[in-house]
Protein backbone atom coordinates (compact mmCIF):
# COMPACT_ATOMS: atom_id res chain seq x y z
CA UNK A 1 -173.44 174.30 -82.06
CA UNK A 2 -174.50 172.83 -79.04
CA UNK A 3 -172.83 171.28 -76.00
CA UNK A 4 -172.07 168.23 -77.88
CA UNK A 5 -170.94 169.88 -80.97
CA UNK A 6 -168.20 171.61 -78.50
CA UNK A 7 -167.04 168.55 -77.09
CA UNK A 8 -166.09 166.91 -80.14
CA UNK A 9 -164.44 169.78 -81.26
CA UNK A 10 -162.35 169.74 -77.55
CA UNK A 11 -161.96 166.02 -78.47
CA UNK A 12 -160.40 166.12 -81.55
CA UNK A 13 -158.47 169.07 -80.57
CA UNK A 14 -156.77 166.88 -78.22
CA UNK A 15 -156.14 164.34 -80.64
CA UNK A 16 -157.67 164.59 -84.22
CA UNK A 17 -156.63 161.28 -84.63
CA UNK A 18 -159.41 159.94 -82.73
CA UNK A 19 -162.21 157.49 -83.84
CA UNK A 20 -165.87 157.86 -84.52
CA UNK A 21 -166.09 155.08 -82.67
CA UNK A 22 -164.23 156.64 -79.44
CA UNK A 23 -165.92 159.65 -80.09
CA UNK A 24 -169.37 158.44 -80.20
CA UNK A 25 -168.58 156.26 -76.88
CA UNK A 26 -167.38 159.48 -75.11
CA UNK A 27 -170.32 161.99 -76.16
CA UNK A 28 -172.81 158.91 -75.44
CA UNK A 29 -174.43 158.99 -79.38
CA UNK A 30 -174.10 156.41 -81.94
CA UNK A 31 -170.97 156.67 -84.97
CA UNK A 32 -173.43 157.92 -87.63
CA UNK A 33 -174.75 160.50 -85.63
CA UNK A 34 -171.04 161.87 -84.59
CA UNK A 35 -170.41 161.36 -88.09
CA UNK A 36 -173.18 163.73 -89.40
CA UNK A 37 -172.47 166.00 -86.94
CA UNK A 38 -168.75 166.89 -87.98
CA UNK A 39 -170.10 166.81 -91.12
CA UNK A 40 -172.40 169.29 -90.22
CA UNK A 41 -169.59 171.34 -88.41
CA UNK A 42 -167.47 170.90 -91.19
CA UNK A 43 -169.92 172.33 -93.93
CA UNK A 44 -170.67 175.42 -92.13
CA UNK A 45 -166.88 176.00 -91.85
CA UNK A 46 -166.23 175.81 -88.19
CA UNK A 47 -164.22 172.46 -88.84
CA UNK A 48 -161.63 173.57 -91.33
CA UNK A 49 -159.55 170.39 -91.54
CA UNK A 50 -157.12 168.05 -90.46
CA UNK A 51 -153.69 168.38 -90.72
CA UNK A 52 -150.67 166.91 -89.14
CA UNK A 53 -148.61 169.05 -86.73
CA UNK A 54 -144.91 168.75 -86.82
CA UNK A 55 -142.13 169.37 -84.08
CA UNK A 56 -140.21 171.78 -85.45
CA UNK A 57 -137.29 170.51 -83.63
CA UNK A 58 -137.04 166.94 -84.82
CA UNK A 59 -137.54 168.52 -88.33
CA UNK A 60 -134.06 170.35 -88.24
CA UNK A 61 -135.83 174.05 -87.66
CA UNK A 62 -134.30 174.96 -84.47
CA UNK A 63 -135.07 178.71 -84.71
CA UNK A 64 -137.92 180.60 -84.35
CA UNK A 65 -138.09 184.52 -84.76
CA UNK A 66 -140.95 186.65 -84.84
CA UNK A 67 -140.53 189.11 -87.55
CA UNK A 68 -142.33 192.69 -87.29
CA UNK A 69 -141.70 195.00 -90.70
CA UNK A 70 -143.43 198.30 -91.83
CA UNK A 71 -144.12 199.06 -94.90
CA UNK A 72 -142.67 201.62 -97.03
CA UNK A 73 -144.62 204.50 -96.98
CA UNK A 74 -146.70 202.90 -93.94
CA UNK A 75 -149.36 201.50 -96.17
CA UNK A 76 -149.01 198.62 -98.99
CA UNK A 77 -150.28 199.26 -102.25
CA UNK A 78 -152.13 195.97 -104.31
CA UNK A 79 -149.28 194.75 -105.55
CA UNK A 80 -147.07 195.31 -103.19
CA UNK A 81 -149.85 193.27 -101.35
CA UNK A 82 -149.59 190.47 -103.88
CA UNK A 83 -145.56 190.77 -103.00
CA UNK A 84 -146.22 189.99 -99.82
CA UNK A 85 -148.52 186.98 -100.63
CA UNK A 86 -145.67 185.57 -102.41
CA UNK A 87 -143.88 184.92 -99.38
CA UNK A 88 -146.34 183.05 -98.29
CA UNK A 89 -144.51 180.19 -100.57
CA UNK A 90 -141.31 180.67 -98.16
CA UNK A 91 -141.51 177.02 -96.46
CA UNK A 92 -139.97 179.13 -93.65
CA UNK A 93 -142.63 181.82 -92.70
CA UNK A 94 -145.50 180.36 -90.96
CA UNK A 95 -147.45 182.93 -90.95
CA UNK A 96 -148.06 187.08 -91.59
CA UNK A 97 -150.37 189.11 -90.38
CA UNK A 98 -151.02 192.54 -91.39
CA UNK A 99 -151.23 194.33 -87.72
CA UNK A 100 -152.04 197.60 -86.55
CA UNK A 101 -149.88 200.16 -84.16
CA UNK A 102 -146.12 201.04 -84.93
CA UNK A 103 -145.61 197.80 -86.90
CA UNK A 104 -147.56 197.14 -90.28
CA UNK A 105 -146.83 193.59 -90.59
CA UNK A 106 -145.77 190.72 -87.81
CA UNK A 107 -144.56 187.24 -89.32
CA UNK A 108 -143.21 183.83 -87.58
CA UNK A 109 -140.09 181.83 -89.28
CA UNK A 110 -138.74 178.35 -87.96
CA UNK A 111 -135.55 177.83 -89.92
CA UNK A 112 -132.84 175.17 -89.15
CA UNK A 113 -130.09 178.25 -87.96
CA UNK A 114 -129.51 181.90 -87.63
CA UNK A 115 -127.69 181.69 -90.91
CA UNK A 116 -131.00 180.63 -92.78
CA UNK A 117 -133.19 183.32 -90.58
CA UNK A 118 -130.59 185.93 -91.76
CA UNK A 119 -131.43 184.32 -95.79
CA UNK A 120 -134.77 184.76 -94.72
CA UNK A 121 -134.89 187.89 -93.75
CA UNK A 122 -132.96 189.20 -96.93
CA UNK A 123 -135.58 187.78 -99.06
CA UNK A 124 -138.35 189.34 -96.74
CA UNK A 125 -136.31 192.84 -97.47
CA UNK A 126 -135.22 192.27 -100.90
CA UNK A 127 -138.84 191.61 -101.89
CA UNK A 128 -139.04 195.73 -101.87
CA UNK A 129 -142.54 195.70 -99.64
CA UNK A 130 -141.21 195.90 -96.02
CA UNK A 131 -138.97 199.10 -95.54
CA UNK A 132 -137.86 198.06 -92.32
CA UNK A 133 -137.81 194.49 -89.64
CA UNK A 134 -137.35 193.74 -86.59
CA UNK A 135 -136.64 190.24 -84.99
CA UNK A 136 -136.94 188.66 -81.56
CA UNK A 137 -135.78 185.12 -81.42
CA UNK A 138 -136.81 182.56 -79.23
CA UNK A 139 -135.41 181.07 -76.52
CA UNK A 140 -137.97 178.98 -75.25
CA UNK A 141 -141.44 177.99 -75.72
CA UNK A 142 -143.41 177.62 -72.70
CA UNK A 143 -146.64 176.58 -74.34
CA UNK A 144 -148.25 177.07 -78.04
CA UNK A 145 -152.06 176.95 -79.39
CA UNK A 146 -153.19 175.98 -82.51
CA UNK A 147 -156.36 177.41 -83.66
CA UNK A 148 -159.38 178.60 -81.75
CA UNK A 149 -159.92 176.71 -78.62
CA UNK A 150 -163.38 175.83 -77.18
């Protein structure tokens, strides 16, 4: 990956809808060269995909919370891990990470209300995977970055 590849990535991170023509003009390469570079970055797995980023509040998701939890017994079995992976189908659970330290897992939840947050927390606890949870509700967000920054 060279300087031009990094610049293409930076431009696409700013605006994923930037046209190939606009990219080629900005980096000073032909449109076919830009397309080939992007294809190489995709094949290498550096660009993992393109997506639409929704504004949660405009979608009626007013509450963001981070939930930490501990596995029963401190470690997770393969069956419990499978159950944890099933939680990914919950549209309100955006992220789930296994972490080091006192807690075993941290999740990012975005939901319409405190009541629906409570429902999500009940589903997590009912899964019998997480022994206890601690919830931090986001009061305001200064900034959010998506993906790895260059």
